[in-house]
C-alpha atoms as a PDB file:
ATOM      1  CA  UNK A   1       0.000   0.000   0.000  1.00  0.00           C
ATOM      2  CA  UNK A   2       2.862   2.394   0.795  1.00  0.00           C
ATOM      3  CA  UNK A   3       4.271   1.928  -2.707  1.00  0.00           C
ATOM      4  CA  UNK A   4       0.896   2.863  -4.199  1.00  0.00           C
ATOM      5  CA  UNK A   5       0.822   6.020  -2.080  1.00  0.00           C
ATOM      6  CA  UNK A   6       4.343   6.958  -3.153  1.00  0.00           C
ATOM      7  CA  UNK A   7       3.450   6.374  -6.798  1.00  0.00           C
ATOM      8  CA  UNK A   8       0.342   8.562  -6.461  1.00  0.00           C
ATOM      9  CA  UNK A   9       2.347  11.345  -4.792  1.00  0.00           C
ATOM     10  CA  UNK A  10       4.941  11.272  -7.565  1.00  0.00           C
ATOM     11  CA  UNK A  11       2.165  12.012 -10.062  1.00  0.00           C
ATOM     12  CA  UNK A  12       1.094  15.192  -8.248  1.00  0.00           C
ATOM     13  CA  UNK A  13       2.176  18.479  -9.746  1.00  0.00           C
ATOM     14  CA  UNK A  14       2.705  21.823  -8.104  1.00  0.00           C
ATOM     15  CA  UNK A  15      -0.460  23.036  -9.828  1.00  0.00           C
ATOM     16  CA  UNK A  16      -2.423  20.114  -8.316  1.00  0.00           C
ATOM     17  CA  UNK A  17      -1.388  21.277  -4.831  1.00  0.00           C
ATOM     18  CA  UNK A  18      -2.204  24.911  -5.589  1.00  0.00           C
ATOM     19  CA  UNK A  19      -5.628  23.919  -6.936  1.00  0.00           C
ATOM     20  CA  UNK A  20      -6.336  21.805  -3.839  1.00  0.00           C
ATOM     21  CA  UNK A  21      -5.308  24.672  -1.555  1.00  0.00           C
ATOM     22  CA  UNK A  22      -7.486  27.154  -3.458  1.00  0.00           C
ATOM     23  CA  UNK A  23     -10.483  24.790  -3.381  1.00  0.00           C
ATOM     24  CA  UNK A  24     -10.270  23.423   0.202  1.00  0.00           C
ATOM     25  CA  UNK A  25      -7.910  25.404   2.455  1.00  0.00           C
ATOM     26  CA  UNK A  26      -7.609  29.117   1.803  1.00  0.00           C
ATOM     27  CA  UNK A  27      -9.931  31.672   3.369  1.00  0.00           C
ATOM     28  CA  UNK A  28     -13.147  31.796   1.349  1.00  0.00           C
ATOM     29  CA  UNK A  29     -12.449  28.510  -0.453  1.00  0.00           C
ATOM     30  CA  UNK A  30     -15.690  27.098  -1.912  1.00  0.00           C
ATOM     31  CA  UNK A  31     -15.274  23.609  -0.384  1.00  0.00           C
ATOM     32  CA  UNK A  32     -13.613  24.621   2.894  1.00  0.00           C
ATOM     33  CA  UNK A  33     -14.794  22.790   6.021  1.00  0.00           C
ATOM     34  CA  UNK A  34     -14.376  23.582   9.700  1.00  0.00           C
ATOM     35  CA  UNK A  35     -13.635  21.324  12.638  1.00  0.00           C
ATOM     36  CA  UNK A  36     -14.783  22.541  16.037  1.00  0.00           C
ATOM     37  CA  UNK A  37     -13.527  20.667  19.092  1.00  0.00           C
ATOM     38  CA  UNK A  38     -14.645  21.303  22.669  1.00  0.00           C
ATOM     39  CA  UNK A  39     -13.218  19.453  25.639  1.00  0.00           C
ATOM     40  CA  UNK A  40     -14.711  19.621  29.138  1.00  0.00           C
ATOM     41  CA  UNK A  41     -13.294  18.348  32.413  1.00  0.00           C
ATOM     42  CA  UNK A  42     -15.408  16.760  35.134  1.00  0.00           C
ATOM     43  CA  UNK A  43     -15.632  20.038  37.040  1.00  0.00           C
ATOM     44  CA  UNK A  44     -17.222  21.792  34.054  1.00  0.00           C
ATOM     45  CA  UNK A  45     -20.184  19.483  33.499  1.00  0.00           C
ATOM     46  CA  UNK A  46     -22.664  22.386  33.645  1.00  0.00           C
ATOM     47  CA  UNK A  47     -20.912  24.050  30.665  1.00  0.00           C
ATOM     48  CA  UNK A  48     -21.019  20.734  28.807  1.00  0.00           C
ATOM     49  CA  UNK A  49     -24.748  20.355  29.491  1.00  0.00           C
ATOM     50  CA  UNK A  50     -25.515  23.858  28.203  1.00  0.00           C
ATOM     51  CA  UNK A  51     -23.435  23.301  25.046  1.00  0.00           C
ATOM     52  CA  UNK A  52     -25.036  19.913  24.462  1.00  0.00           C
ATOM     53  CA  UNK A  53     -28.520  21.453  24.617  1.00  0.00           C
ATOM     54  CA  UNK A  54     -27.692  23.910  21.807  1.00  0.00           C
ATOM     55  CA  UNK A  55     -28.919  23.010  18.340  1.00  0.00           C
ATOM     56  CA  UNK A  56     -26.161  21.473  16.212  1.00  0.00           C
ATOM     57  CA  UNK A  57     -25.785  22.407  12.549  1.00  0.00           C
ATOM     58  CA  UNK A  58     -27.484  19.844  10.256  1.00  0.00           C
ATOM     59  CA  UNK A  59     -24.166  18.373   9.066  1.00  0.00           C
ATOM     60  CA  UNK A  60     -22.556  18.223  12.547  1.00  0.00           C
ATOM     61  CA  UNK A  61     -21.460  14.847  13.875  1.00  0.00           C
ATOM     62  CA  UNK A  62     -20.999  14.689  17.653  1.00  0.00           C
ATOM     63  CA  UNK A  63     -18.356  12.216  18.841  1.00  0.00           C
ATOM     64  CA  UNK A  64     -19.561  10.464  21.982  1.00  0.00           C
ATOM     65  CA  UNK A  65     -16.823   7.793  22.251  1.00  0.00           C
ATOM     66  CA  UNK A  66     -13.413   9.268  21.394  1.00  0.00           C
ATOM     67  CA  UNK A  67     -11.612   5.920  21.529  1.00  0.00           C
ATOM     68  CA  UNK A  68     -13.940   4.284  19.001  1.00  0.00           C
ATOM     69  CA  UNK A  69     -13.740   7.369  16.824  1.00  0.00           C
ATOM     70  CA  UNK A  70      -9.924   7.355  16.849  1.00  0.00           C
ATOM     71  CA  UNK A  71      -9.793   3.656  16.001  1.00  0.00           C
ATOM     72  CA  UNK A  72     -12.195   4.180  13.101  1.00  0.00           C
ATOM     73  CA  UNK A  73      -9.932   6.722  11.407  1.00  0.00           C
ATOM     74  CA  UNK A  74      -7.597   5.498   8.651  1.00  0.00           C
ATOM     75  CA  UNK A  75      -4.529   7.189  10.176  1.00  0.00           C
ATOM     76  CA  UNK A  76      -5.086   5.850  13.693  1.00  0.00           C
ATOM     77  CA  UNK A  77      -1.852   4.441  15.014  1.00  0.00           C
ATOM     78  CA  UNK A  78       0.264   5.639  12.100  1.00  0.00           C
ATOM     79  CA  UNK A  79       2.534   7.593  14.459  1.00  0.00           C
ATOM     80  CA  UNK A  80       3.354   4.692  16.776  1.00  0.00           C
ATOM     81  CA  UNK A  81       7.050   4.629  17.537  1.00  0.00           C
ATOM     82  CA  UNK A  82       7.666   7.888  15.716  1.00  0.00           C
ATOM     83  CA  UNK A  83       9.138  11.108  17.043  1.00  0.00           C
ATOM     84  CA  UNK A  84       9.328  10.898  20.829  1.00  0.00           C
ATOM     85  CA  UNK A  85       7.553   7.514  20.632  1.00  0.00           C
ATOM     86  CA  UNK A  86       4.275   9.282  20.008  1.00  0.00           C
ATOM     87  CA  UNK A  87       1.279   6.985  20.198  1.00  0.00           C
ATOM     88  CA  UNK A  88      -2.210   8.126  19.294  1.00  0.00           C
END
């Protein structure tokens, strides 16, 4: 699989990267998306309850079980043994 990824990356051009940036990353990009993360400690449960009662946008996906979510992602565990023995 790694060889396929390397082969695909070798086919990318500078213009491909610029086009991707313009379409998905830069301010005002037409297909830009936002990730909003909120973390609450046990002592702030009242703040969590008030945030949870707010109406979510129609395309929002709340993550109730962070461990299951992390394991479901394709990059989960890809940093094991890397810099500083980082482990996700």
